[in-house]
Amino acid sequence: MSDSLLDVGQRGRARVPFVSRLWRALRGARRRDLAAPLAALMPLAAAASCSVTVDLDPLQDGVSCPSGQKSCYGSCVSIMDPDYGCTPDRCAPCTLMQADAVCDPSSAEGQCILSRCIPGTEYESCDGDLNNGCETNTNTSLEHCGFCNTPCTCEVGFATCIRGSCRCSS
């Protein structure tokens, strides 16, 4: 096999050896960030009239994992790891608006749930419903200026909440 971009193998089939070597080298690594760039190579291979076989499905990577784990991007991870979804058939991370997510162990479907709002951000769950994420920007909200349930009002003029501080203008 040569180190050229395209290598014509047996029966005239072209291969892209560096893609295959790269994919093999990344076994066990977190490959989800590389799936899109590798997929972008497919049109190049098609233009060169060759075939490229790269498994871009992280759940079909041939890795066998022990009970309670699943294979994602070539690594065995806990089914209950929110960085890899919360179900046996999903590797996409749990995401909720401005929130840290965990997997709900009591849920048969393995749902992602909010555990808390991310500290140090301006977003809070001021409505008390953690199921809809951290929906309130306390830097700009007139009803929750700086903190939840801290309204911004002025006796005279118009109220604005700027960077969590109430300001009055006439």
N, C-alpha and C. Protein backbone atom coordinates (compact mmCIF):
# COMPACT_ATOMS: atom_id res chain seq x y z
N MET A 1 0.85 -1.17 0.00
CA MET A 1 0.00 0.00 0.00
C MET A 1 0.89 1.23 0.00
N SER A 2 0.60 2.20 -0.84
CA SER A 2 1.41 3.41 -0.92
C SER A 2 0.87 4.46 0.03
N ASP A 3 1.64 5.54 0.18
CA ASP A 3 1.20 6.64 1.04
C ASP A 3 0.53 7.75 0.25
N SER A 4 0.22 7.49 -1.01
CA SER A 4 -0.46 8.51 -1.80
C SER A 4 -1.89 8.67 -1.30
N LEU A 5 -2.52 9.76 -1.77
CA LEU A 5 -3.89 10.01 -1.37
C LEU A 5 -4.80 8.86 -1.77
N LEU A 6 -4.65 8.37 -3.00
CA LEU A 6 -5.46 7.25 -3.48
C LEU A 6 -4.55 6.08 -3.80
N ASP A 7 -4.97 4.91 -3.47
CA ASP A 7 -4.22 3.69 -3.74
C ASP A 7 -5.15 2.74 -4.46
N VAL A 8 -4.76 2.32 -5.67
CA VAL A 8 -5.58 1.38 -6.43
C VAL A 8 -5.20 -0.02 -5.98
N GLY A 9 -6.16 -0.71 -5.39
CA GLY A 9 -5.91 -2.04 -4.86
C GLY A 9 -6.28 -3.12 -5.84
N GLN A 10 -6.49 -4.33 -5.34
CA GLN A 10 -6.86 -5.45 -6.18
C GLN A 10 -8.17 -5.16 -6.90
N ARG A 11 -8.31 -5.69 -8.10
CA ARG A 11 -9.50 -5.53 -8.93
C ARG A 11 -9.79 -4.08 -9.28
N GLY A 12 -8.78 -3.21 -9.19
CA GLY A 12 -8.95 -1.83 -9.62
C GLY A 12 -9.73 -0.95 -8.66
N ARG A 13 -10.04 -1.44 -7.46
CA ARG A 13 -10.77 -0.61 -6.49
C ARG A 13 -9.80 0.37 -5.84
N ALA A 14 -10.20 1.60 -5.76
CA ALA A 14 -9.36 2.62 -5.14
C ALA A 14 -9.68 2.70 -3.65
N ARG A 15 -8.65 2.95 -2.88
CA ARG A 15 -8.82 3.12 -1.44
C ARG A 15 -8.17 4.42 -1.02
N VAL A 16 -8.55 4.94 0.12
CA VAL A 16 -7.92 6.12 0.69
C VAL A 16 -7.22 5.65 1.95
N PRO A 17 -5.94 5.22 1.80
CA PRO A 17 -5.26 4.57 2.93
C PRO A 17 -5.11 5.44 4.16
N PHE A 18 -4.85 6.75 4.01
CA PHE A 18 -4.64 7.56 5.21
C PHE A 18 -5.91 7.68 6.03
N VAL A 19 -7.07 7.66 5.38
CA VAL A 19 -8.34 7.71 6.13
C VAL A 19 -8.50 6.43 6.94
N SER A 20 -8.23 5.30 6.31
CA SER A 20 -8.36 4.03 7.02
C SER A 20 -7.38 3.94 8.18
N ARG A 21 -6.14 4.39 7.96
CA ARG A 21 -5.15 4.35 9.05
C ARG A 21 -5.55 5.30 10.18
N LEU A 22 -6.03 6.49 9.83
CA LEU A 22 -6.47 7.45 10.84
C LEU A 22 -7.62 6.88 11.66
N TRP A 23 -8.60 6.30 10.98
CA TRP A 23 -9.77 5.74 11.67
C TRP A 23 -9.35 4.63 12.62
N ARG A 24 -8.44 3.75 12.17
CA ARG A 24 -7.96 2.67 13.04
C ARG A 24 -7.19 3.23 14.23
N ALA A 25 -6.40 4.29 14.00
CA ALA A 25 -5.60 4.89 15.07
C ALA A 25 -6.48 5.52 16.14
N LEU A 26 -7.67 5.92 15.77
CA LEU A 26 -8.56 6.59 16.71
C LEU A 26 -9.47 5.64 17.47
N ARG A 27 -9.33 4.33 17.28
CA ARG A 27 -10.16 3.38 18.03
C ARG A 27 -9.93 3.62 19.51
N GLY A 28 -10.98 3.73 20.24
CA GLY A 28 -10.88 3.97 21.68
C GLY A 28 -10.85 5.45 22.03
N ALA A 29 -10.68 6.31 21.04
CA ALA A 29 -10.70 7.75 21.30
C ALA A 29 -12.11 8.29 21.09
N ARG A 30 -12.34 9.49 21.50
CA ARG A 30 -13.65 10.13 21.27
C ARG A 30 -13.66 10.65 19.84
N ARG A 31 -14.29 9.91 18.95
CA ARG A 31 -14.26 10.24 17.53
C ARG A 31 -15.44 11.08 17.08
N ARG A 32 -16.37 11.41 17.94
CA ARG A 32 -17.55 12.13 17.48
C ARG A 32 -17.18 13.45 16.84
N ASP A 33 -16.08 14.08 17.29
CA ASP A 33 -15.67 15.35 16.72
C ASP A 33 -15.05 15.20 15.33
N LEU A 34 -14.65 13.98 14.98
CA LEU A 34 -14.02 13.76 13.68
C LEU A 34 -14.95 13.16 12.65
N ALA A 35 -16.14 12.76 13.03
CA ALA A 35 -17.04 12.13 12.08
C ALA A 35 -17.39 13.06 10.93
N ALA A 36 -17.69 14.32 11.22
CA ALA A 36 -18.06 15.26 10.16
C ALA A 36 -16.89 15.54 9.22
N PRO A 37 -15.66 15.82 9.72
CA PRO A 37 -14.55 16.03 8.78
C PRO A 37 -14.26 14.80 7.91
N LEU A 38 -14.36 13.61 8.50
CA LEU A 38 -14.13 12.42 7.69
C LEU A 38 -15.24 12.24 6.66
N ALA A 39 -16.47 12.57 7.04
CA ALA A 39 -17.57 12.49 6.09
C ALA A 39 -17.35 13.47 4.94
N ALA A 40 -16.69 14.59 5.23
CA ALA A 40 -16.42 15.57 4.18
C ALA A 40 -15.46 15.03 3.13
N LEU A 41 -14.68 14.00 3.48
CA LEU A 41 -13.76 13.39 2.51
C LEU A 41 -14.48 12.52 1.49
N MET A 42 -15.70 12.12 1.78
CA MET A 42 -16.43 11.23 0.89
C MET A 42 -16.61 11.81 -0.52
N PRO A 43 -16.98 13.11 -0.67
CA PRO A 43 -17.11 13.63 -2.04
C PRO A 43 -15.80 13.61 -2.81
N LEU A 44 -14.67 13.80 -2.10
CA LEU A 44 -13.38 13.73 -2.78
C LEU A 44 -13.14 12.33 -3.33
N ALA A 45 -13.50 11.34 -2.54
CA ALA A 45 -13.33 9.96 -2.99
C ALA A 45 -14.25 9.68 -4.17
N ALA A 46 -15.46 10.21 -4.12
CA ALA A 46 -16.40 9.99 -5.22
C ALA A 46 -15.90 10.66 -6.49
N ALA A 47 -15.33 11.86 -6.37
CA ALA A 47 -14.82 12.56 -7.54
C ALA A 47 -13.65 11.81 -8.16
N ALA A 48 -12.92 11.08 -7.36
CA ALA A 48 -11.79 10.31 -7.86
C ALA A 48 -12.21 8.91 -8.29
N SER A 49 -13.51 8.66 -8.32
CA SER A 49 -14.07 7.37 -8.72
C SER A 49 -13.54 6.23 -7.87
N CYS A 50 -13.55 6.42 -6.59
CA CYS A 50 -13.13 5.35 -5.70
C CYS A 50 -14.14 5.20 -4.60
N SER A 51 -13.99 4.15 -3.82
CA SER A 51 -14.91 3.93 -2.72
C SER A 51 -14.17 4.04 -1.40
N VAL A 52 -14.83 4.62 -0.44
CA VAL A 52 -14.28 4.73 0.90
C VAL A 52 -15.27 4.09 1.84
N THR A 53 -14.79 3.20 2.68
CA THR A 53 -15.65 2.57 3.66
C THR A 53 -15.18 3.00 5.03
N VAL A 54 -15.94 3.89 5.65
CA VAL A 54 -15.65 4.36 7.00
C VAL A 54 -16.94 4.28 7.78
N ASP A 55 -16.90 3.61 8.91
CA ASP A 55 -18.09 3.46 9.75
C ASP A 55 -18.26 4.73 10.57
N LEU A 56 -19.24 5.57 10.19
CA LEU A 56 -19.47 6.81 10.91
C LEU A 56 -20.54 6.66 11.98
N ASP A 57 -21.09 5.48 12.16
CA ASP A 57 -22.08 5.26 13.19
C ASP A 57 -21.36 4.81 14.46
N PRO A 58 -21.32 5.66 15.51
CA PRO A 58 -20.54 5.33 16.70
C PRO A 58 -21.03 4.09 17.42
N LEU A 59 -22.27 3.70 17.25
CA LEU A 59 -22.78 2.52 17.95
C LEU A 59 -22.47 1.23 17.20
N GLN A 60 -21.98 1.32 15.99
CA GLN A 60 -21.70 0.14 15.20
C GLN A 60 -20.20 0.00 14.97
N ASP A 61 -19.40 0.19 16.01
CA ASP A 61 -17.96 0.16 15.82
C ASP A 61 -17.31 -1.16 16.22
N GLY A 62 -18.10 -2.17 16.47
CA GLY A 62 -17.56 -3.50 16.71
C GLY A 62 -16.97 -3.72 18.08
N VAL A 63 -17.11 -2.80 19.01
CA VAL A 63 -16.57 -2.95 20.35
C VAL A 63 -17.61 -3.64 21.22
N SER A 64 -17.21 -4.66 21.95
CA SER A 64 -18.10 -5.36 22.86
C SER A 64 -17.86 -4.85 24.27
N CYS A 65 -18.92 -4.44 24.94
CA CYS A 65 -18.79 -3.85 26.28
C CYS A 65 -19.49 -4.70 27.32
N PRO A 66 -19.04 -4.61 28.58
CA PRO A 66 -19.70 -5.34 29.66
C PRO A 66 -21.09 -4.80 29.96
N SER A 67 -21.84 -5.52 30.73
CA SER A 67 -23.19 -5.13 31.12
C SER A 67 -23.17 -3.76 31.80
N GLY A 68 -24.15 -2.92 31.48
CA GLY A 68 -24.24 -1.59 32.05
C GLY A 68 -23.46 -0.55 31.29
N GLN A 69 -22.77 -1.00 30.22
CA GLN A 69 -22.01 -0.09 29.39
C GLN A 69 -22.44 -0.24 27.94
N LYS A 70 -22.05 0.74 27.14
CA LYS A 70 -22.32 0.71 25.70
C LYS A 70 -21.08 1.21 24.98
N SER A 71 -21.00 0.89 23.72
CA SER A 71 -19.88 1.32 22.92
C SER A 71 -20.22 2.64 22.23
N CYS A 72 -19.44 3.66 22.49
CA CYS A 72 -19.59 4.95 21.82
C CYS A 72 -18.23 5.39 21.31
N TYR A 73 -18.13 5.55 20.01
CA TYR A 73 -16.92 6.06 19.38
C TYR A 73 -15.70 5.20 19.72
N GLY A 74 -15.91 3.89 19.85
CA GLY A 74 -14.81 2.96 20.06
C GLY A 74 -14.45 2.74 21.52
N SER A 75 -15.17 3.34 22.45
CA SER A 75 -14.89 3.17 23.88
C SER A 75 -16.12 2.67 24.60
N CYS A 76 -15.91 1.89 25.65
CA CYS A 76 -17.02 1.45 26.49
C CYS A 76 -17.27 2.54 27.52
N VAL A 77 -18.51 3.00 27.59
CA VAL A 77 -18.90 4.04 28.54
C VAL A 77 -20.16 3.60 29.26
N SER A 78 -20.39 4.18 30.42
CA SER A 78 -21.58 3.86 31.19
C SER A 78 -22.83 4.30 30.43
N ILE A 79 -23.85 3.47 30.47
CA ILE A 79 -25.13 3.85 29.86
C ILE A 79 -25.66 5.10 30.53
N MET A 80 -25.34 5.32 31.79
CA MET A 80 -25.85 6.46 32.55
C MET A 80 -24.92 7.67 32.52
N ASP A 81 -24.03 7.75 31.55
CA ASP A 81 -23.13 8.90 31.41
C ASP A 81 -23.79 9.94 30.52
N PRO A 82 -24.16 11.12 31.06
CA PRO A 82 -24.86 12.11 30.25
C PRO A 82 -24.03 12.65 29.09
N ASP A 83 -22.71 12.50 29.15
CA ASP A 83 -21.88 12.92 28.02
C ASP A 83 -22.10 12.04 26.79
N TYR A 84 -22.70 10.87 26.98
CA TYR A 84 -22.95 9.93 25.89
C TYR A 84 -24.42 9.54 25.83
N GLY A 85 -25.31 10.43 26.18
CA GLY A 85 -26.74 10.12 26.17
C GLY A 85 -27.07 9.23 27.35
N CYS A 86 -28.31 8.91 27.50
CA CYS A 86 -28.73 8.15 28.68
C CYS A 86 -29.45 6.87 28.31
N THR A 87 -29.28 6.42 27.09
CA THR A 87 -29.94 5.19 26.65
C THR A 87 -28.91 4.28 26.00
N PRO A 88 -29.21 2.99 25.91
CA PRO A 88 -28.26 2.06 25.30
C PRO A 88 -28.04 2.31 23.81
N ASP A 89 -28.95 3.02 23.15
CA ASP A 89 -28.83 3.19 21.71
C ASP A 89 -28.56 4.63 21.28
N ARG A 90 -27.93 5.42 22.15
CA ARG A 90 -27.66 6.82 21.83
C ARG A 90 -26.29 7.21 22.37
N CYS A 91 -25.52 7.95 21.56
CA CYS A 91 -24.22 8.44 22.02
C CYS A 91 -24.15 9.96 22.06
N ALA A 92 -25.17 10.65 21.57
CA ALA A 92 -25.18 12.11 21.62
C ALA A 92 -25.35 12.56 23.07
N PRO A 93 -24.65 13.61 23.46
CA PRO A 93 -24.73 14.05 24.86
C PRO A 93 -26.09 14.62 25.21
N CYS A 94 -26.44 14.51 26.50
CA CYS A 94 -27.65 15.16 27.01
C CYS A 94 -27.37 16.66 27.03
N THR A 95 -28.27 17.43 26.50
CA THR A 95 -28.11 18.88 26.54
C THR A 95 -29.41 19.52 26.96
N LEU A 96 -29.32 20.39 27.91
CA LEU A 96 -30.43 21.20 28.36
C LEU A 96 -29.91 22.63 28.46
N MET A 97 -30.76 23.59 28.19
CA MET A 97 -30.34 24.99 28.12
C MET A 97 -29.62 25.45 29.37
N GLN A 98 -28.34 25.80 29.22
CA GLN A 98 -27.51 26.36 30.28
C GLN A 98 -27.54 25.54 31.56
N ALA A 99 -27.55 24.20 31.42
CA ALA A 99 -27.71 23.37 32.61
C ALA A 99 -26.77 22.18 32.58
N ASP A 100 -26.43 21.70 33.76
CA ASP A 100 -25.74 20.44 33.89
C ASP A 100 -26.81 19.35 33.87
N ALA A 101 -26.60 18.33 33.07
CA ALA A 101 -27.59 17.26 32.94
C ALA A 101 -27.05 15.98 33.57
N VAL A 102 -27.97 15.17 34.04
CA VAL A 102 -27.66 13.83 34.52
C VAL A 102 -28.67 12.88 33.90
N CYS A 103 -28.38 11.59 34.00
CA CYS A 103 -29.33 10.59 33.52
C CYS A 103 -30.24 10.21 34.68
N ASP A 104 -31.51 10.04 34.39
CA ASP A 104 -32.49 9.68 35.41
C ASP A 104 -32.49 8.16 35.59
N PRO A 105 -31.91 7.65 36.68
CA PRO A 105 -31.84 6.20 36.87
C PRO A 105 -33.20 5.55 37.08
N SER A 106 -34.20 6.32 37.48
CA SER A 106 -35.53 5.74 37.69
C SER A 106 -36.33 5.64 36.40
N SER A 107 -35.82 6.24 35.34
CA SER A 107 -36.55 6.24 34.07
C SER A 107 -36.15 5.03 33.23
N ALA A 108 -37.13 4.27 32.79
CA ALA A 108 -36.86 3.10 31.94
C ALA A 108 -36.29 3.54 30.60
N GLU A 109 -36.63 4.74 30.14
CA GLU A 109 -36.12 5.25 28.88
C GLU A 109 -34.75 5.90 29.03
N GLY A 110 -34.28 6.07 30.26
CA GLY A 110 -32.99 6.70 30.48
C GLY A 110 -32.99 8.15 30.07
N GLN A 111 -33.94 8.92 30.56
CA GLN A 111 -34.06 10.31 30.16
C GLN A 111 -32.98 11.18 30.78
N CYS A 112 -32.62 12.23 30.04
CA CYS A 112 -31.72 13.23 30.58
C CYS A 112 -32.55 14.18 31.43
N ILE A 113 -32.03 14.53 32.60
CA ILE A 113 -32.73 15.48 33.45
C ILE A 113 -31.75 16.55 33.93
N LEU A 114 -32.29 17.69 34.28
CA LEU A 114 -31.49 18.79 34.77
C LEU A 114 -31.10 18.55 36.21
N SER A 115 -29.83 18.70 36.53
CA SER A 115 -29.41 18.56 37.92
C SER A 115 -29.24 19.92 38.57
N ARG A 116 -28.82 20.92 37.80
CA ARG A 116 -28.65 22.27 38.32
C ARG A 116 -28.29 23.20 37.17
N CYS A 117 -28.44 24.49 37.41
CA CYS A 117 -27.99 25.47 36.43
C CYS A 117 -26.48 25.58 36.55
N ILE A 118 -25.82 25.86 35.47
CA ILE A 118 -24.36 25.93 35.48
C ILE A 118 -23.93 27.16 36.29
N PRO A 119 -23.15 26.95 37.36
CA PRO A 119 -22.71 28.08 38.18
C PRO A 119 -21.84 29.04 37.37
N GLY A 120 -21.96 30.32 37.69
CA GLY A 120 -21.14 31.32 37.03
C GLY A 120 -21.74 31.85 35.74
N THR A 121 -22.90 31.35 35.33
CA THR A 121 -23.56 31.91 34.16
C THR A 121 -24.71 32.78 34.64
N GLU A 122 -25.25 33.58 33.74
CA GLU A 122 -26.36 34.45 34.11
C GLU A 122 -27.71 33.77 34.02
N TYR A 123 -27.74 32.48 33.69
CA TYR A 123 -29.00 31.78 33.52
C TYR A 123 -29.39 31.01 34.79
N GLU A 124 -30.65 31.16 35.17
CA GLU A 124 -31.20 30.49 36.34
C GLU A 124 -32.57 29.92 36.00
N SER A 125 -33.03 28.98 36.81
CA SER A 125 -34.38 28.43 36.64
C SER A 125 -35.31 29.15 37.61
N CYS A 126 -35.71 30.35 37.24
CA CYS A 126 -36.51 31.19 38.14
C CYS A 126 -37.97 30.76 38.23
N ASP A 127 -38.43 29.93 37.31
CA ASP A 127 -39.82 29.47 37.39
C ASP A 127 -39.96 28.23 38.27
N GLY A 128 -38.84 27.71 38.78
CA GLY A 128 -38.87 26.55 39.65
C GLY A 128 -39.06 25.23 38.93
N ASP A 129 -39.16 25.25 37.61
CA ASP A 129 -39.36 24.03 36.84
C ASP A 129 -38.04 23.64 36.17
N LEU A 130 -37.33 22.69 36.76
CA LEU A 130 -36.05 22.27 36.22
C LEU A 130 -36.18 21.50 34.91
N ASN A 131 -37.39 21.06 34.57
CA ASN A 131 -37.58 20.31 33.34
C ASN A 131 -37.42 21.16 32.09
N ASN A 132 -37.60 22.47 32.19
CA ASN A 132 -37.46 23.31 31.00
C ASN A 132 -36.14 24.06 30.96
N GLY A 133 -35.21 23.65 31.77
CA GLY A 133 -33.87 24.22 31.73
C GLY A 133 -33.74 25.49 32.55
N CYS A 134 -32.66 26.19 32.32
CA CYS A 134 -32.36 27.44 33.01
C CYS A 134 -32.74 28.56 32.07
N GLU A 135 -33.99 28.95 32.12
CA GLU A 135 -34.61 29.77 31.09
C GLU A 135 -34.48 31.28 31.31
N THR A 136 -34.07 31.71 32.48
CA THR A 136 -34.09 33.14 32.78
C THR A 136 -32.69 33.73 32.77
N ASN A 137 -32.49 34.77 31.98
CA ASN A 137 -31.23 35.51 31.96
C ASN A 137 -31.33 36.60 33.02
N THR A 138 -30.67 36.41 34.15
CA THR A 138 -30.77 37.37 35.26
C THR A 138 -29.94 38.64 35.00
N ASN A 139 -29.21 38.69 33.90
CA ASN A 139 -28.51 39.91 33.53
C ASN A 139 -29.42 40.91 32.83
N THR A 140 -30.55 40.43 32.28
CA THR A 140 -31.42 41.31 31.49
C THR A 140 -32.89 41.29 31.89
N SER A 141 -33.30 40.34 32.71
CA SER A 141 -34.72 40.20 33.05
C SER A 141 -35.19 41.27 34.03
N LEU A 142 -36.28 41.95 33.70
CA LEU A 142 -36.85 42.95 34.61
C LEU A 142 -37.48 42.30 35.83
N GLU A 143 -38.01 41.08 35.68
CA GLU A 143 -38.64 40.38 36.80
C GLU A 143 -37.62 39.70 37.71
N HIS A 144 -36.44 39.41 37.18
CA HIS A 144 -35.41 38.66 37.91
C HIS A 144 -34.04 39.32 37.66
N CYS A 145 -33.89 40.54 38.05
CA CYS A 145 -32.68 41.32 37.75
C CYS A 145 -31.57 41.00 38.77
N GLY A 146 -30.56 40.29 38.32
CA GLY A 146 -29.45 39.91 39.19
C GLY A 146 -29.68 38.59 39.88
N PHE A 147 -30.90 38.36 40.35
CA PHE A 147 -31.27 37.13 41.05
C PHE A 147 -32.72 36.81 40.74
N CYS A 148 -33.10 35.58 40.92
CA CYS A 148 -34.50 35.19 40.74
C CYS A 148 -35.39 35.97 41.72
N ASN A 149 -36.57 36.34 41.25
CA ASN A 149 -37.57 37.02 42.07
C ASN A 149 -37.09 38.36 42.63
N THR A 150 -36.21 39.03 41.89
CA THR A 150 -35.75 40.37 42.26
C THR A 150 -36.15 41.31 41.14
N PRO A 151 -37.35 41.89 41.23
CA PRO A 151 -37.83 42.76 40.14
C PRO A 151 -37.07 44.08 40.07
N CYS A 152 -36.97 44.59 38.87
CA CYS A 152 -36.33 45.88 38.63
C CYS A 152 -37.46 46.90 38.41
N THR A 153 -37.65 47.79 39.35
CA THR A 153 -38.70 48.82 39.24
C THR A 153 -38.10 50.18 39.57
N CYS A 154 -38.75 51.20 39.05
CA CYS A 154 -38.32 52.58 39.31
C CYS A 154 -39.54 53.40 39.70
N GLU A 155 -39.35 54.31 40.65
CA GLU A 155 -40.44 55.20 41.03
C GLU A 155 -40.72 56.19 39.92
N VAL A 156 -39.67 56.64 39.26
CA VAL A 156 -39.79 57.59 38.16
C VAL A 156 -38.94 57.08 37.00
N GLY A 157 -39.46 57.12 35.79
CA GLY A 157 -38.70 56.75 34.61
C GLY A 157 -38.88 55.29 34.23
N PHE A 158 -38.00 54.86 33.35
CA PHE A 158 -38.07 53.51 32.82
C PHE A 158 -36.99 52.64 33.44
N ALA A 159 -37.34 51.42 33.77
CA ALA A 159 -36.40 50.48 34.38
C ALA A 159 -35.75 49.62 33.30
N THR A 160 -34.46 49.37 33.46
CA THR A 160 -33.73 48.42 32.61
C THR A 160 -32.82 47.61 33.52
N CYS A 161 -32.64 46.37 33.15
CA CYS A 161 -31.72 45.50 33.89
C CYS A 161 -30.49 45.30 33.00
N ILE A 162 -29.36 45.82 33.44
CA ILE A 162 -28.12 45.73 32.67
C ILE A 162 -27.07 45.04 33.52
N ARG A 163 -26.61 43.90 33.03
CA ARG A 163 -25.61 43.08 33.74
C ARG A 163 -26.04 42.77 35.17
N GLY A 164 -27.33 42.53 35.35
CA GLY A 164 -27.86 42.15 36.65
C GLY A 164 -28.08 43.30 37.61
N SER A 165 -27.97 44.53 37.13
CA SER A 165 -28.20 45.71 37.98
C SER A 165 -29.35 46.52 37.41
N CYS A 166 -30.23 46.96 38.28
CA CYS A 166 -31.40 47.75 37.88
C CYS A 166 -30.97 49.20 37.68
N ARG A 167 -31.38 49.76 36.54
CA ARG A 167 -31.07 51.15 36.24
C ARG A 167 -32.36 51.87 35.86
N CYS A 168 -32.48 53.08 36.30
CA CYS A 168 -33.66 53.89 35.99
C CYS A 168 -33.25 55.05 35.10
N SER A 169 -34.05 55.28 34.08
CA SER A 169 -33.80 56.41 33.19
C SER A 169 -35.09 57.19 33.00
N SER A 170 -34.93 58.48 32.76
CA SER A 170 -36.14 59.31 32.60
C SER A 170 -36.51 59.51 31.16
